Amino acid sequence: MKRVIVTVVGKDAVGIIARLCAYMAEHNINILDITQTIVSGFFNMMMIVDMAQATAPFDVIATELETCGRELGVIVKCQREEIFDSMHRL
């Protein structure tokens, strides 16, 4: 399993979850867990996804998700689980 942490932050708008989840489905990325909240009009989402069967390498997926985010007016960041874990151990 190649787990990746995906975070999404920005002004709330219709279609954010739908667009990002559709992209993941198109690229065979399995969403293992998802949480989202809206606070005072700001959207915040965190997903844990499995990219073991993804149709493109991590770098390509991360860049394309960032582009999707810009089109939606939000910031999307992807981090490999092992890097995320290492950062939070310090």
PDB file of N, CA and C in Angstrom:
ATOM      1  N   MET A   1       0.850  -1.177   0.000  1.00  0.00           N
ATOM      2  CA  MET A   1       0.000   0.000   0.000  1.00  0.00           C
ATOM      3  C   MET A   1       0.892   1.236   0.000  1.00  0.00           C
ATOM      4  N   LYS A   2       0.564   2.191  -0.832  1.00  0.00           N
ATOM      5  CA  LYS A   2       1.290   3.454  -0.903  1.00  0.00           C
ATOM      6  C   LYS A   2       0.337   4.551  -0.453  1.00  0.00           C
ATOM      7  N   ARG A   3       0.330   4.791   0.857  1.00  0.00           N
ATOM      8  CA  ARG A   3      -0.609   5.766   1.408  1.00  0.00           C
ATOM      9  C   ARG A   3      -0.073   7.178   1.269  1.00  0.00           C
ATOM     10  N   VAL A   4      -0.995   8.080   0.931  1.00  0.00           N
ATOM     11  CA  VAL A   4      -0.679   9.490   0.732  1.00  0.00           C
ATOM     12  C   VAL A   4      -1.706  10.317   1.488  1.00  0.00           C
ATOM     13  N   ILE A   5      -1.241  11.400   2.119  1.00  0.00           N
ATOM     14  CA  ILE A   5      -2.108  12.336   2.814  1.00  0.00           C
ATOM     15  C   ILE A   5      -2.385  13.496   1.855  1.00  0.00           C
ATOM     16  N   VAL A   6      -3.656  13.764   1.597  1.00  0.00           N
ATOM     17  CA  VAL A   6      -4.056  14.863   0.713  1.00  0.00           C
ATOM     18  C   VAL A   6      -4.814  15.879   1.562  1.00  0.00           C
ATOM     19  N   THR A   7      -4.355  17.136   1.548  1.00  0.00           N
ATOM     20  CA  THR A   7      -5.053  18.192   2.272  1.00  0.00           C
ATOM     21  C   THR A   7      -5.566  19.226   1.277  1.00  0.00           C
ATOM     22  N   VAL A   8      -6.735  19.770   1.604  1.00  0.00           N
ATOM     23  CA  VAL A   8      -7.389  20.762   0.749  1.00  0.00           C
ATOM     24  C   VAL A   8      -7.898  21.886   1.639  1.00  0.00           C
ATOM     25  N   VAL A   9      -7.515  23.124   1.315  1.00  0.00           N
ATOM     26  CA  VAL A   9      -7.916  24.278   2.120  1.00  0.00           C
ATOM     27  C   VAL A   9      -8.271  25.436   1.202  1.00  0.00           C
ATOM     28  N   GLY A  10      -9.353  26.155   1.525  1.00  0.00           N
ATOM     29  CA  GLY A  10      -9.714  27.344   0.754  1.00  0.00           C
ATOM     30  C   GLY A  10     -11.151  27.757   1.020  1.00  0.00           C
ATOM     31  N   LYS A  11     -11.594  28.758   0.287  1.00  0.00           N
ATOM     32  CA  LYS A  11     -12.983  29.218   0.394  1.00  0.00           C
ATOM     33  C   LYS A  11     -13.910  28.104  -0.085  1.00  0.00           C
ATOM     34  N   ASP A  12     -14.995  27.921   0.628  1.00  0.00           N
ATOM     35  CA  ASP A  12     -15.944  26.880   0.255  1.00  0.00           C
ATOM     36  C   ASP A  12     -16.620  27.215  -1.074  1.00  0.00           C
ATOM     37  N   ALA A  13     -16.848  26.190  -1.877  1.00  0.00           N
ATOM     38  CA  ALA A  13     -17.540  26.335  -3.165  1.00  0.00           C
ATOM     39  C   ALA A  13     -18.163  24.990  -3.529  1.00  0.00           C
ATOM     40  N   VAL A  14     -19.146  25.031  -4.369  1.00  0.00           N
ATOM     41  CA  VAL A  14     -19.803  23.818  -4.846  1.00  0.00           C
ATOM     42  C   VAL A  14     -18.834  23.015  -5.716  1.00  0.00           C
ATOM     43  N   GLY A  15     -18.767  21.697  -5.494  1.00  0.00           N
ATOM     44  CA  GLY A  15     -18.042  20.808  -6.388  1.00  0.00           C
ATOM     45  C   GLY A  15     -16.623  20.465  -6.011  1.00  0.00           C
ATOM     46  N   ILE A  16     -16.105  20.968  -4.899  1.00  0.00           N
ATOM     47  CA  ILE A  16     -14.711  20.676  -4.536  1.00  0.00           C
ATOM     48  C   ILE A  16     -14.510  19.176  -4.339  1.00  0.00           C
ATOM     49  N   ILE A  17     -15.311  18.589  -3.465  1.00  0.00           N
ATOM     50  CA  ILE A  17     -15.159  17.155  -3.183  1.00  0.00           C
ATOM     51  C   ILE A  17     -15.430  16.339  -4.440  1.00  0.00           C
ATOM     52  N   ALA A  18     -16.484  16.674  -5.161  1.00  0.00           N
ATOM     53  CA  ALA A  18     -16.854  15.926  -6.368  1.00  0.00           C
ATOM     54  C   ALA A  18     -15.715  15.918  -7.391  1.00  0.00           C
ATOM     55  N   ARG A  19     -15.121  17.073  -7.636  1.00  0.00           N
ATOM     56  CA  ARG A  19     -14.059  17.173  -8.658  1.00  0.00           C
ATOM     57  C   ARG A  19     -12.819  16.389  -8.253  1.00  0.00           C
ATOM     58  N   LEU A  20     -12.388  16.536  -6.997  1.00  0.00           N
ATOM     59  CA  LEU A  20     -11.177  15.845  -6.561  1.00  0.00           C
ATOM     60  C   LEU A  20     -11.391  14.333  -6.476  1.00  0.00           C
ATOM     61  N   CYS A  21     -12.561  13.912  -6.000  1.00  0.00           N
ATOM     62  CA  CYS A  21     -12.851  12.475  -5.927  1.00  0.00           C
ATOM     63  C   CYS A  21     -12.995  11.865  -7.318  1.00  0.00           C
ATOM     64  N   ALA A  22     -13.572  12.607  -8.260  1.00  0.00           N
ATOM     65  CA  ALA A  22     -13.681  12.117  -9.640  1.00  0.00           C
ATOM     66  C   ALA A  22     -12.284  11.933 -10.246  1.00  0.00           C
ATOM     67  N   TYR A  23     -11.391  12.892  -9.998  1.00  0.00           N
ATOM     68  CA  TYR A  23     -10.011  12.771 -10.490  1.00  0.00           C
ATOM     69  C   TYR A  23      -9.378  11.493  -9.933  1.00  0.00           C
ATOM     70  N   MET A  24      -9.562  11.269  -8.633  1.00  0.00           N
ATOM     71  CA  MET A  24      -8.953  10.087  -8.016  1.00  0.00           C
ATOM     72  C   MET A  24      -9.530   8.795  -8.593  1.00  0.00           C
ATOM     73  N   ALA A  25     -10.816   8.761  -8.796  1.00  0.00           N
ATOM     74  CA  ALA A  25     -11.429   7.574  -9.387  1.00  0.00           C
ATOM     75  C   ALA A  25     -10.899   7.323 -10.796  1.00  0.00           C
ATOM     76  N   GLU A  26     -10.754   8.389 -11.575  1.00  0.00           N
ATOM     77  CA  GLU A  26     -10.230   8.265 -12.944  1.00  0.00           C
ATOM     78  C   GLU A  26      -8.798   7.734 -12.964  1.00  0.00           C
ATOM     79  N   HIS A  27      -8.052   7.950 -11.888  1.00  0.00           N
ATOM     80  CA  HIS A  27      -6.649   7.539 -11.829  1.00  0.00           C
ATOM     81  C   HIS A  27      -6.428   6.355 -10.890  1.00  0.00           C
ATOM     82  N   ASN A  28      -7.512   5.646 -10.575  1.00  0.00           N
ATOM     83  CA  ASN A  28      -7.456   4.413  -9.783  1.00  0.00           C
ATOM     84  C   ASN A  28      -6.817   4.621  -8.411  1.00  0.00           C
ATOM     85  N   ILE A  29      -7.135   5.733  -7.781  1.00  0.00           N
ATOM     86  CA  ILE A  29      -6.655   6.043  -6.436  1.00  0.00           C
ATOM     87  C   ILE A  29      -7.797   5.753  -5.478  1.00  0.00           C
ATOM     88  N   ASN A  30      -7.532   4.903  -4.493  1.00  0.00           N
ATOM     89  CA  ASN A  30      -8.562   4.493  -3.543  1.00  0.00           C
ATOM     90  C   ASN A  30      -8.559   5.418  -2.325  1.00  0.00           C
ATOM     91  N   ILE A  31      -9.700   6.011  -2.014  1.00  0.00           N
ATOM     92  CA  ILE A  31      -9.835   6.865  -0.829  1.00  0.00           C
ATOM     93  C   ILE A  31     -10.116   5.962   0.362  1.00  0.00           C
ATOM     94  N   LEU A  32      -9.173   5.947   1.321  1.00  0.00           N
ATOM     95  CA  LEU A  32      -9.297   5.094   2.498  1.00  0.00           C
ATOM     96  C   LEU A  32     -10.052   5.793   3.624  1.00  0.00           C
ATOM     97  N   ASP A  33      -9.843   7.095   3.766  1.00  0.00           N
ATOM     98  CA  ASP A  33     -10.500   7.860   4.817  1.00  0.00           C
ATOM     99  C   ASP A  33     -10.606   9.307   4.359  1.00  0.00           C
ATOM    100  N   ILE A  34     -11.661   9.972   4.761  1.00  0.00           N
ATOM    101  CA  ILE A  34     -11.875  11.358   4.359  1.00  0.00           C
ATOM    102  C   ILE A  34     -12.608  12.092   5.472  1.00  0.00           C
ATOM    103  N   THR A  35     -12.175  13.297   5.731  1.00  0.00           N
ATOM    104  CA  THR A  35     -12.865  14.158   6.682  1.00  0.00           C
ATOM    105  C   THR A  35     -12.859  15.571   6.113  1.00  0.00           C
ATOM    106  N   GLN A  36     -13.954  16.269   6.304  1.00  0.00           N
ATOM    107  CA  GLN A  36     -14.022  17.646   5.813  1.00  0.00           C
ATOM    108  C   GLN A  36     -14.882  18.466   6.741  1.00  0.00           C
ATOM    109  N   THR A  37     -14.580  19.737   6.780  1.00  0.00           N
ATOM    110  CA  THR A  37     -15.350  20.658   7.600  1.00  0.00           C
ATOM    111  C   THR A  37     -15.362  22.026   6.930  1.00  0.00           C
ATOM    112  N   ILE A  38     -16.357  22.800   7.269  1.00  0.00           N
ATOM    113  CA  ILE A  38     -16.457  24.179   6.787  1.00  0.00           C
ATOM    114  C   ILE A  38     -16.600  25.058   8.021  1.00  0.00           C
ATOM    115  N   VAL A  39     -15.698  26.013   8.156  1.00  0.00           N
ATOM    116  CA  VAL A  39     -15.712  26.930   9.298  1.00  0.00           C
ATOM    117  C   VAL A  39     -15.725  28.353   8.753  1.00  0.00           C
ATOM    118  N   SER A  40     -16.780  29.092   9.056  1.00  0.00           N
ATOM    119  CA  SER A  40     -16.924  30.489   8.612  1.00  0.00           C
ATOM    120  C   SER A  40     -16.652  30.657   7.115  1.00  0.00           C
ATOM    121  N   GLY A  41     -17.140  29.705   6.330  1.00  0.00           N
ATOM    122  CA  GLY A  41     -17.004  29.800   4.880  1.00  0.00           C
ATOM    123  C   GLY A  41     -15.706  29.251   4.321  1.00  0.00           C
ATOM    124  N   PHE A  42     -14.838  28.712   5.187  1.00  0.00           N
ATOM    125  CA  PHE A  42     -13.584  28.128   4.717  1.00  0.00           C
ATOM    126  C   PHE A  42     -13.676  26.610   4.754  1.00  0.00           C
ATOM    127  N   PHE A  43     -13.280  26.003   3.651  1.00  0.00           N
ATOM    128  CA  PHE A  43     -13.338  24.560   3.457  1.00  0.00           C
ATOM    129  C   PHE A  43     -12.005  23.950   3.863  1.00  0.00           C
ATOM    130  N   ASN A  44     -12.048  22.843   4.615  1.00  0.00           N
ATOM    131  CA  ASN A  44     -10.839  22.130   5.016  1.00  0.00           C
ATOM    132  C   ASN A  44     -11.126  20.636   4.892  1.00  0.00           C
ATOM    133  N   MET A  45     -10.282  19.928   4.148  1.00  0.00           N
ATOM    134  CA  MET A  45     -10.478  18.491   3.964  1.00  0.00           C
ATOM    135  C   MET A  45      -9.140  17.782   4.055  1.00  0.00           C
ATOM    136  N   MET A  46      -9.180  16.589   4.642  1.00  0.00           N
ATOM    137  CA  MET A  46      -8.004  15.728   4.684  1.00  0.00           C
ATOM    138  C   MET A  46      -8.438  14.343   4.243  1.00  0.00           C
ATOM    139  N   MET A  47      -7.656  13.770   3.342  1.00  0.00           N
ATOM    140  CA  MET A  47      -7.926  12.414   2.865  1.00  0.00           C
ATOM    141  C   MET A  47      -6.675  11.565   3.042  1.00  0.00           C
ATOM    142  N   ILE A  48      -6.893  10.313   3.331  1.00  0.00           N
ATOM    143  CA  ILE A  48      -5.818   9.328   3.267  1.00  0.00           C
ATOM    144  C   ILE A  48      -6.185   8.430   2.098  1.00  0.00           C
ATOM    145  N   VAL A  49      -5.283   8.349   1.133  1.00  0.00           N
ATOM    146  CA  VAL A  49      -5.566   7.589  -0.080  1.00  0.00           C
ATOM    147  C   VAL A  49      -4.484   6.546  -0.314  1.00  0.00           C
ATOM    148  N   ASP A  50      -4.852   5.504  -1.044  1.00  0.00           N
ATOM    149  CA  ASP A  50      -3.911   4.453  -1.432  1.00  0.00           C
ATOM    150  C   ASP A  50      -3.606   4.614  -2.918  1.00  0.00           C
ATOM    151  N   MET A  51      -2.341   4.880  -3.226  1.00  0.00           N
ATOM    152  CA  MET A  51      -1.934   5.084  -4.620  1.00  0.00           C
ATOM    153  C   MET A  51      -1.199   3.875  -5.199  1.00  0.00           C
ATOM    154  N   ALA A  52      -1.314   2.711  -4.553  1.00  0.00           N
ATOM    155  CA  ALA A  52      -0.596   1.521  -5.017  1.00  0.00           C
ATOM    156  C   ALA A  52      -0.966   1.141  -6.450  1.00  0.00           C
ATOM    157  N   GLN A  53      -2.207   1.386  -6.850  1.00  0.00           N
ATOM    158  CA  GLN A  53      -2.662   1.020  -8.193  1.00  0.00           C
ATOM    159  C   GLN A  53      -2.873   2.242  -9.093  1.00  0.00           C
ATOM    160  N   ALA A  54      -2.346   3.390  -8.687  1.00  0.00           N
ATOM    161  CA  ALA A  54      -2.549   4.626  -9.444  1.00  0.00           C
ATOM    162  C   ALA A  54      -2.002   4.501 -10.856  1.00  0.00           C
ATOM    163  N   THR A  55      -2.651   5.196 -11.779  1.00  0.00           N
ATOM    164  CA  THR A  55      -2.283   5.114 -13.199  1.00  0.00           C
ATOM    165  C   THR A  55      -1.139   6.052 -13.581  1.00  0.00           C
ATOM    166  N   ALA A  56      -0.629   6.821 -12.608  1.00  0.00           N
ATOM    167  CA  ALA A  56       0.489   7.737 -12.869  1.00  0.00           C
ATOM    168  C   ALA A  56       1.343   7.802 -11.609  1.00  0.00           C
ATOM    169  N   PRO A  57       2.600   8.237 -11.744  1.00  0.00           N
ATOM    170  CA  PRO A  57       3.473   8.354 -10.569  1.00  0.00           C
ATOM    171  C   PRO A  57       3.006   9.446  -9.605  1.00  0.00           C
ATOM    172  N   PHE A  58       3.473   9.358  -8.359  1.00  0.00           N
ATOM    173  CA  PHE A  58       3.104  10.299  -7.307  1.00  0.00           C
ATOM    174  C   PHE A  58       3.293  11.745  -7.750  1.00  0.00           C
ATOM    175  N   ASP A  59       4.446  12.087  -8.300  1.00  0.00           N
ATOM    176  CA  ASP A  59       4.737  13.479  -8.673  1.00  0.00           C
ATOM    177  C   ASP A  59       3.732  14.031  -9.676  1.00  0.00           C
ATOM    178  N   VAL A  60       3.345  13.217 -10.633  1.00  0.00           N
ATOM    179  CA  VAL A  60       2.372  13.648 -11.642  1.00  0.00           C
ATOM    180  C   VAL A  60       1.013  13.868 -10.990  1.00  0.00           C
ATOM    181  N   ILE A  61       0.594  12.912 -10.170  1.00  0.00           N
ATOM    182  CA  ILE A  61      -0.693  13.020  -9.486  1.00  0.00           C
ATOM    183  C   ILE A  61      -0.715  14.268  -8.598  1.00  0.00           C
ATOM    184  N   ALA A  62       0.342  14.479  -7.812  1.00  0.00           N
ATOM    185  CA  ALA A  62       0.395  15.628  -6.907  1.00  0.00           C
ATOM    186  C   ALA A  62       0.285  16.936  -7.681  1.00  0.00           C
ATOM    187  N   THR A  63       1.004  17.036  -8.795  1.00  0.00           N
ATOM    188  CA  THR A  63       0.963  18.252  -9.616  1.00  0.00           C
ATOM    189  C   THR A  63      -0.420  18.459 -10.224  1.00  0.00           C
ATOM    190  N   GLU A  64      -1.014  17.401 -10.734  1.00  0.00           N
ATOM    191  CA  GLU A  64      -2.335  17.525 -11.353  1.00  0.00           C
ATOM    192  C   GLU A  64      -3.411  17.866 -10.317  1.00  0.00           C
ATOM    193  N   LEU A  65      -3.299  17.317  -9.105  1.00  0.00           N
ATOM    194  CA  LEU A  65      -4.255  17.666  -8.054  1.00  0.00           C
ATOM    195  C   LEU A  65      -4.089  19.124  -7.634  1.00  0.00           C
ATOM    196  N   GLU A  66      -2.852  19.610  -7.581  1.00  0.00           N
ATOM    197  CA  GLU A  66      -2.624  21.035  -7.279  1.00  0.00           C
ATOM    198  C   GLU A  66      -3.279  21.907  -8.350  1.00  0.00           C
ATOM    199  N   THR A  67      -3.161  21.501  -9.605  1.00  0.00           N
ATOM    200  CA  THR A  67      -3.785  22.240 -10.703  1.00  0.00           C
ATOM    201  C   THR A  67      -5.309  22.226 -10.569  1.00  0.00           C
ATOM    202  N   CYS A  68      -5.874  21.068 -10.262  1.00  0.00           N
ATOM    203  CA  CYS A  68      -7.323  20.980 -10.026  1.00  0.00           C
ATOM    204  C   CYS A  68      -7.726  21.936  -8.915  1.00  0.00           C
ATOM    205  N   GLY A  69      -6.934  21.962  -7.859  1.00  0.00           N
ATOM    206  CA  GLY A  69      -7.221  22.837  -6.738  1.00  0.00           C
ATOM    207  C   GLY A  69      -7.234  24.305  -7.146  1.00  0.00           C
ATOM    208  N   ARG A  70      -6.233  24.721  -7.921  1.00  0.00           N
ATOM    209  CA  ARG A  70      -6.191  26.113  -8.386  1.00  0.00           C
ATOM    210  C   ARG A  70      -7.432  26.448  -9.192  1.00  0.00           C
ATOM    211  N   GLU A  71      -7.864  25.516 -10.042  1.00  0.00           N
ATOM    212  CA  GLU A  71      -9.068  25.732 -10.847  1.00  0.00           C
ATOM    213  C   GLU A  71     -10.308  25.884  -9.960  1.00  0.00           C
ATOM    214  N   LEU A  72     -10.299  25.224  -8.800  1.00  0.00           N
ATOM    215  CA  LEU A  72     -11.427  25.280  -7.870  1.00  0.00           C
ATOM    216  C   LEU A  72     -11.279  26.407  -6.848  1.00  0.00           C
ATOM    217  N   GLY A  73     -10.131  27.059  -6.827  1.00  0.00           N
ATOM    218  CA  GLY A  73      -9.890  28.136  -5.874  1.00  0.00           C
ATOM    219  C   GLY A  73      -9.453  27.664  -4.493  1.00  0.00           C
ATOM    220  N   VAL A  74      -8.881  26.452  -4.423  1.00  0.00           N
ATOM    221  CA  VAL A  74      -8.388  25.918  -3.158  1.00  0.00           C
ATOM    222  C   VAL A  74      -6.934  25.469  -3.324  1.00  0.00           C
ATOM    223  N   ILE A  75      -6.285  25.222  -2.197  1.00  0.00           N
ATOM    224  CA  ILE A  75      -4.909  24.720  -2.204  1.00  0.00           C
ATOM    225  C   ILE A  75      -4.941  23.235  -1.887  1.00  0.00           C
ATOM    226  N   VAL A  76      -4.352  22.425  -2.767  1.00  0.00           N
ATOM    227  CA  VAL A  76      -4.287  20.979  -2.568  1.00  0.00           C
ATOM    228  C   VAL A  76      -2.820  20.594  -2.413  1.00  0.00           C
ATOM    229  N   LYS A  77      -2.513  19.861  -1.360  1.00  0.00           N
ATOM    230  CA  LYS A  77      -1.152  19.376  -1.113  1.00  0.00           C
ATOM    231  C   LYS A  77      -1.194  17.872  -0.878  1.00  0.00           C
ATOM    232  N   CYS A  78      -0.212  17.170  -1.438  1.00  0.00           N
ATOM    233  CA  CYS A  78      -0.083  15.725  -1.262  1.00  0.00           C
ATOM    234  C   CYS A  78       1.253  15.421  -0.601  1.00  0.00           C
ATOM    235  N   GLN A  79       1.224  14.542   0.401  1.00  0.00           N
ATOM    236  CA  GLN A  79       2.448  14.114   1.063  1.00  0.00           C
ATOM    237  C   GLN A  79       2.417  12.608   1.220  1.00  0.00           C
ATOM    238  N   ARG A  80       3.538  11.974   0.920  1.00  0.00           N
ATOM    239  CA  ARG A  80       3.630  10.543   1.185  1.00  0.00           C
ATOM    240  C   ARG A  80       3.526  10.317   2.684  1.00  0.00           C
ATOM    241  N   GLU A  81       2.874   9.230   3.077  1.00  0.00           N
ATOM    242  CA  GLU A  81       2.642   8.967   4.493  1.00  0.00           C
ATOM    243  C   GLU A  81       3.938   8.926   5.293  1.00  0.00           C
ATOM    244  N   GLU A  82       4.971   8.306   4.760  1.00  0.00           N
ATOM    245  CA  GLU A  82       6.216   8.174   5.529  1.00  0.00           C
ATOM    246  C   GLU A  82       6.870   9.541   5.787  1.00  0.00           C
ATOM    247  N   ILE A  83       6.740  10.467   4.856  1.00  0.00           N
ATOM    248  CA  ILE A  83       7.285  11.812   5.049  1.00  0.00           C
ATOM    249  C   ILE A  83       6.430  12.559   6.063  1.00  0.00           C
ATOM    250  N   PHE A  84       5.120  12.436   5.931  1.00  0.00           N
ATOM    251  CA  PHE A  84       4.194  13.064   6.877  1.00  0.00           C
ATOM    252  C   PHE A  84       4.487  12.586   8.297  1.00  0.00           C
ATOM    253  N   ASP A  85       4.665  11.275   8.470  1.00  0.00           N
ATOM    254  CA  ASP A  85       4.959  10.704   9.792  1.00  0.00           C
ATOM    255  C   ASP A  85       6.287  11.213  10.331  1.00  0.00           C
ATOM    256  N   SER A  86       7.307  11.259   9.492  1.00  0.00           N
ATOM    257  CA  SER A  86       8.630  11.725   9.906  1.00  0.00           C
ATOM    258  C   SER A  86       8.594  13.176  10.365  1.00  0.00           C
ATOM    259  N   MET A  87       7.868  14.022   9.650  1.00  0.00           N
ATOM    260  CA  MET A  87       7.769  15.440  10.002  1.00  0.00           C
ATOM    261  C   MET A  87       7.129  15.618  11.369  1.00  0.00           C
ATOM    262  N   HIS A  88       6.198  14.774  11.706  1.00  0.00           N
ATOM    263  CA  HIS A  88       5.452  14.941  12.955  1.00  0.00           C
ATOM    264  C   HIS A  88       6.089  14.208  14.130  1.00  0.00           C
ATOM    265  N   ARG A  89       7.206  13.536  13.901  1.00  0.00           N
ATOM    266  CA  ARG A  89       7.943  12.911  14.983  1.00  0.00           C
ATOM    267  C   ARG A  89       8.954  13.866  15.609  1.00  0.00           C
ATOM    268  N   LEU A  90       9.317  14.907  14.875  1.00  0.00           N
ATOM    269  CA  LEU A  90      10.339  15.844  15.354  1.00  0.00           C
ATOM    270  C   LEU A  90       9.866  16.659  16.527  1.00  0.00           C
TER     271      LEU A  90
END
